[in-house]
Amino acid sequence: MDVRVDGRVARAATGGIPAAADAPVLVFIHGAGMDGSVWLFQTRHFARLGFRVLAVDLPDHGHSEGPVLSSIGEMGDWLVRFLDAAGVEKATLAGHSMGSLIALDVAARYPGRVSGIALLGTSSSMQVHPDLVAAAEANAPLAPELVTDWGFGTRAHIGSHPQPGLWVMGGGLAVLMNSRPGVLANDLKACAAFGDALARAAAVACPALVLIGDGDRMTPPKAGRAVADALAGAAVEVRTIADCGHMIMDEKPFETAHALRAFLGA
């Protein structure tokens, strides 16, 4: 589905199934350098359950036009304008990594637009090694390779996946390699500069789900639990997924879907 935000095309995957006019809305927000395709399994799954699903491509990502946005706050403001353009009054936001920060930001600053948040691979701070930023700024293949290597857990490195024939690490690398020049570097710097995660979490009042991969090396489990602890004003559920790295929705698609279904009462 394409809409126009700020006069430019914004793309969201819908799962290919028309939803009822009064269907609950579930918005998926991708991480740094990625696009809405990383939510492929969840998009189709929840569309079949009757949700109106919108897996967005943030500006200058995937099929959405630019320019790229340089801060989490700008991305959050854009997402609200996207909801306006899509005719969505209120939605549950599910965000991965950078997307989790965007979900936190929107839930805290636009509480009337958010019915719940699901945070996957989240952290109270997302520091990025200068060498990784430098490689991303140079648009060198090393940057996507490093993110892929560190982002996927041990079992994904040896090919383990519940869907036969699916090479998730190769797919993740392809998404990052296909991102436009400068986008990954921009996103990494936006994550590193966002120091308001805990403050935003403290301001959230809607129900929240925090999904943690027990083998996550990019946003370690203790970092996700710190965000959960800061969600003092919300009803919070924390789930840890075993044998899983940072790319939770791709490494463990069924477990992710089950956790989201329980959270949504679906």
Protein backbone atom coordinates (compact mmCIF):
# COMPACT_ATOMS: atom_id res chain seq x y z
CA MET A 1 0.00 0.00 0.00
CA ASP A 2 1.25 3.44 -0.93
CA VAL A 3 0.22 6.71 0.68
CA ARG A 4 1.73 10.16 0.43
CA VAL A 5 3.40 11.68 3.47
CA ASP A 6 4.85 15.17 3.14
CA GLY A 7 4.17 14.90 -0.59
CA ARG A 8 6.31 11.76 -1.01
CA VAL A 9 5.47 8.09 -1.46
CA ALA A 10 5.43 6.00 1.71
CA ARG A 11 5.08 2.23 1.36
CA ALA A 12 3.67 -0.28 3.81
CA ALA A 13 3.13 -4.01 3.35
CA THR A 14 -0.36 -5.17 4.29
CA GLY A 15 -0.17 -8.95 4.13
CA GLY A 16 -2.25 -9.00 0.95
CA ILE A 17 -5.61 -9.46 2.66
CA PRO A 18 -8.18 -6.63 2.85
CA ALA A 19 -9.16 -5.84 6.43
CA ALA A 20 -12.55 -4.89 7.78
CA ALA A 21 -13.16 -1.19 8.28
CA ASP A 22 -13.23 -1.63 12.05
CA ALA A 23 -10.27 -4.05 12.23
CA PRO A 24 -7.61 -3.38 14.88
CA VAL A 25 -4.47 -1.86 13.36
CA LEU A 26 -1.01 -3.32 13.90
CA VAL A 27 1.97 -1.30 12.66
CA PHE A 28 5.38 -2.95 12.31
CA ILE A 29 8.50 -0.72 12.42
CA HIS A 30 11.83 -2.05 11.15
CA GLY A 31 15.33 -1.51 12.44
CA ALA A 32 18.40 0.34 11.15
CA GLY A 33 19.13 0.02 7.44
CA MET A 34 16.25 -2.39 6.93
CA ASP A 35 12.70 -2.18 5.60
CA GLY A 36 9.26 -3.64 6.18
CA SER A 37 10.15 -6.92 4.47
CA VAL A 38 11.83 -8.16 7.67
CA TRP A 39 8.30 -8.58 9.08
CA LEU A 40 7.15 -10.82 6.21
CA PHE A 41 5.97 -13.73 8.34
CA GLN A 42 4.23 -11.58 10.96
CA THR A 43 2.61 -9.35 8.31
CA ARG A 44 0.92 -12.29 6.60
CA HIS A 45 0.10 -14.05 9.85
CA PHE A 46 -1.75 -11.15 11.43
CA ALA A 47 -3.47 -10.14 8.21
CA ARG A 48 -4.97 -13.62 8.15
CA LEU A 49 -6.14 -13.13 11.73
CA GLY A 50 -8.19 -10.11 10.66
CA PHE A 51 -5.85 -7.29 11.65
CA ARG A 52 -5.18 -4.31 9.43
CA VAL A 53 -1.43 -4.71 9.13
CA LEU A 54 1.00 -1.98 8.04
CA ALA A 55 4.69 -2.93 7.89
CA VAL A 56 6.15 0.46 7.04
CA ASP A 57 9.22 1.37 5.04
CA LEU A 58 10.62 4.44 6.79
CA PRO A 59 11.64 7.35 4.54
CA ASP A 60 14.45 6.42 2.11
CA HIS A 61 14.12 2.76 3.13
CA GLY A 62 12.68 0.02 0.95
CA HIS A 63 10.09 1.49 -1.42
CA SER A 64 9.51 4.75 0.47
CA GLU A 65 10.88 7.95 -0.97
CA GLY A 66 13.38 10.08 0.93
CA PRO A 67 14.88 12.06 2.36
CA VAL A 68 16.11 9.95 5.24
CA LEU A 69 15.31 11.26 8.72
CA SER A 70 18.24 11.86 11.04
CA SER A 71 16.74 11.39 14.51
CA ILE A 72 14.39 9.06 16.35
CA GLY A 73 12.13 12.00 17.17
CA GLU A 74 11.81 12.93 13.49
CA MET A 75 11.01 9.32 12.65
CA GLY A 76 8.36 9.27 15.36
CA ASP A 77 6.74 12.44 14.05
CA TRP A 78 6.81 11.01 10.53
CA LEU A 79 5.13 7.81 11.70
CA VAL A 80 2.23 9.81 13.13
CA ARG A 81 1.88 11.65 9.82
CA PHE A 82 1.93 8.25 8.11
CA LEU A 83 -0.95 7.11 10.34
CA ASP A 84 -2.84 10.24 9.37
CA ALA A 85 -2.27 9.58 5.68
CA ALA A 86 -3.36 5.94 6.07
CA GLY A 87 -6.53 6.96 7.89
CA VAL A 88 -5.48 5.31 11.15
CA GLU A 89 -6.64 6.90 14.38
CA LYS A 90 -5.07 4.44 16.81
CA ALA A 91 -2.75 1.45 16.45
CA THR A 92 -0.58 -1.05 18.24
CA LEU A 93 3.07 -0.43 17.35
CA ALA A 94 5.54 -3.30 17.12
CA GLY A 95 9.12 -2.10 16.68
CA HIS A 96 12.42 -3.91 16.32
CA SER A 97 15.70 -2.35 17.50
CA MET A 98 15.63 1.20 16.09
CA GLY A 99 11.93 0.63 15.50
CA SER A 100 11.45 -0.08 19.20
CA LEU A 101 12.86 3.36 20.00
CA ILE A 102 10.44 4.92 17.51
CA ALA A 103 7.53 3.03 19.10
CA LEU A 104 8.60 4.23 22.55
CA ASP A 105 8.89 7.80 21.32
CA VAL A 106 5.47 7.83 19.68
CA ALA A 107 3.73 6.12 22.62
CA ALA A 108 5.18 8.68 25.03
CA ARG A 109 4.56 11.80 22.95
CA TYR A 110 1.34 10.81 21.16
CA PRO A 111 -0.49 8.64 23.72
CA GLY A 112 -3.86 9.10 22.03
CA ARG A 113 -2.60 7.39 18.88
CA VAL A 114 -1.21 4.23 20.47
CA SER A 115 -3.17 1.36 22.01
CA GLY A 116 -0.13 -0.77 22.85
CA ILE A 117 3.54 -1.28 22.05
CA ALA A 118 5.65 -4.37 21.45
CA LEU A 119 9.39 -3.81 21.72
CA LEU A 120 11.72 -6.38 20.17
CA GLY A 121 15.47 -6.17 20.69
CA THR A 122 15.17 -2.93 22.59
CA SER A 123 17.66 -1.20 24.85
CA SER A 124 18.01 1.69 27.25
CA SER A 125 20.87 2.90 25.00
CA MET A 126 22.12 1.75 21.61
CA GLN A 127 25.78 2.63 21.42
CA VAL A 128 27.47 1.91 18.10
CA HIS A 129 31.18 1.20 17.64
CA PRO A 130 32.93 4.02 15.72
CA ASP A 131 34.49 1.51 13.30
CA LEU A 132 31.03 0.25 12.34
CA VAL A 133 29.79 3.81 11.79
CA ALA A 134 32.88 4.57 9.68
CA ALA A 135 32.32 1.49 7.52
CA ALA A 136 28.65 2.41 7.09
CA GLU A 137 29.53 5.99 6.16
CA ALA A 138 31.91 4.64 3.52
CA ASN A 139 29.10 2.38 2.24
CA ALA A 140 31.53 -0.50 2.62
CA PRO A 141 30.22 -4.10 2.56
CA LEU A 142 31.88 -4.59 5.93
CA ALA A 143 29.10 -2.67 7.70
CA PRO A 144 26.17 -4.92 6.61
CA GLU A 145 28.39 -7.96 7.17
CA LEU A 146 29.17 -6.91 10.74
CA VAL A 147 25.54 -6.10 11.54
CA THR A 148 24.44 -9.45 10.14
CA ASP A 149 27.15 -11.39 11.97
CA TRP A 150 26.38 -9.77 15.32
CA GLY A 151 22.65 -9.49 14.78
CA PHE A 152 21.86 -13.16 14.29
CA GLY A 153 22.21 -15.68 17.08
CA THR A 154 24.34 -18.82 17.22
CA ARG A 155 21.71 -21.17 15.83
CA ALA A 156 21.03 -18.89 12.86
CA HIS A 157 24.73 -19.02 12.02
CA ILE A 158 24.52 -22.76 11.46
CA GLY A 159 21.34 -22.59 9.38
CA SER A 160 18.75 -23.58 11.97
CA HIS A 161 15.30 -22.25 11.06
CA PRO A 162 11.76 -23.68 11.36
CA GLN A 163 11.00 -22.94 7.71
CA PRO A 164 13.02 -25.37 5.55
CA GLY A 165 15.22 -23.81 2.88
CA LEU A 166 15.11 -20.31 4.33
CA TRP A 167 18.55 -18.76 4.85
CA VAL A 168 17.73 -15.95 7.26
CA MET A 169 21.27 -14.60 7.54
CA GLY A 170 21.56 -14.34 3.78
CA GLY A 171 18.20 -12.62 3.62
CA GLY A 172 19.12 -10.16 6.34
CA LEU A 173 22.42 -9.37 4.65
CA ALA A 174 20.66 -8.79 1.32
CA VAL A 175 18.25 -6.27 2.87
CA LEU A 176 21.14 -4.31 4.39
CA MET A 177 23.27 -4.48 1.23
CA ASN A 178 20.35 -3.15 -0.81
CA SER A 179 19.78 -0.13 1.42
CA ARG A 180 20.51 3.23 -0.18
CA PRO A 181 23.93 4.84 0.34
CA GLY A 182 24.24 6.49 3.73
CA VAL A 183 21.01 5.09 5.15
CA LEU A 184 22.56 2.51 7.47
CA ALA A 185 25.07 5.06 8.80
CA ASN A 186 22.28 7.57 9.36
CA ASP A 187 20.22 5.06 11.30
CA LEU A 188 23.10 3.84 13.43
CA LYS A 189 23.93 7.42 14.41
CA ALA A 190 20.27 8.16 15.16
CA CYS A 191 20.14 5.18 17.53
CA ALA A 192 23.39 6.17 19.27
CA ALA A 193 22.21 9.76 19.70
CA PHE A 194 18.85 8.83 21.24
CA GLY A 195 19.39 9.16 24.97
CA ASP A 196 15.74 9.39 25.95
CA ALA A 197 14.67 5.74 25.93
CA LEU A 198 14.17 5.45 29.68
CA ALA A 199 12.47 8.84 29.93
CA ARG A 200 10.14 7.92 27.09
CA ALA A 201 9.43 4.55 28.70
CA ALA A 202 8.53 6.23 31.98
CA ALA A 203 5.93 8.33 30.14
CA VAL A 204 4.23 5.37 28.43
CA ALA A 205 0.79 4.50 29.79
CA CYS A 206 -0.44 1.88 27.29
CA PRO A 207 0.16 -1.89 27.65
CA ALA A 208 3.61 -3.03 26.59
CA LEU A 209 5.33 -6.25 25.57
CA VAL A 210 9.13 -6.55 25.68
CA LEU A 211 10.58 -9.45 23.68
CA ILE A 212 14.18 -10.39 24.43
CA GLY A 213 16.48 -12.83 22.65
CA ASP A 214 18.55 -14.66 25.24
CA GLY A 215 21.59 -14.63 22.92
CA ASP A 216 21.22 -11.03 21.72
CA ARG A 217 24.68 -9.46 21.41
CA MET A 218 23.50 -6.11 20.01
CA THR A 219 20.94 -5.25 22.67
CA PRO A 220 21.75 -7.65 25.53
CA PRO A 221 18.92 -9.03 27.69
CA LYS A 222 19.76 -6.75 30.62
CA ALA A 223 19.28 -3.72 28.36
CA GLY A 224 15.80 -4.87 27.38
CA ARG A 225 14.89 -5.54 30.99
CA ALA A 226 16.03 -2.00 31.90
CA VAL A 227 13.47 -0.62 29.44
CA ALA A 228 10.80 -2.92 30.86
CA ASP A 229 11.59 -1.73 34.38
CA ALA A 230 11.25 1.89 33.24
CA LEU A 231 7.75 1.25 31.86
CA ALA A 232 6.39 1.93 35.34
CA GLY A 233 3.11 3.47 34.20
CA ALA A 234 2.20 0.65 31.85
CA ALA A 235 1.06 -2.95 32.16
CA VAL A 236 4.23 -4.73 31.05
CA GLU A 237 4.86 -8.27 29.91
CA VAL A 238 8.43 -9.46 29.40
CA ARG A 239 9.21 -12.59 27.40
CA THR A 240 12.63 -14.09 26.75
CA ILE A 241 12.99 -16.26 23.66
CA ALA A 242 15.54 -19.06 23.92
CA ASP A 243 18.30 -19.72 21.37
CA CYS A 244 17.70 -16.34 19.75
CA GLY A 245 19.83 -13.35 18.84
CA HIS A 246 18.88 -9.79 17.98
CA MET A 247 16.84 -10.54 14.84
CA ILE A 248 14.00 -12.00 16.87
CA MET A 249 11.15 -11.86 14.35
CA ASP A 250 13.27 -13.55 11.64
CA GLU A 251 15.08 -16.11 13.79
CA LYS A 252 12.02 -17.14 15.79
CA PRO A 253 8.98 -16.18 13.69
CA PHE A 254 6.55 -18.60 15.35
CA GLU A 255 7.56 -17.68 18.89
CA THR A 256 7.30 -14.00 17.97
CA ALA A 257 3.84 -14.47 16.52
CA HIS A 258 2.66 -16.44 19.55
CA ALA A 259 3.93 -13.76 21.94
CA LEU A 260 2.26 -11.01 19.93
CA ARG A 261 -0.99 -12.95 19.72
CA ALA A 262 -1.08 -13.41 23.48
CA PHE A 263 -0.33 -9.73 23.98
CA LEU A 264 -3.06 -8.69 21.54
CA GLY A 265 -5.55 -11.28 22.77
CA ALA A 266 -5.79 -12.69 19.24
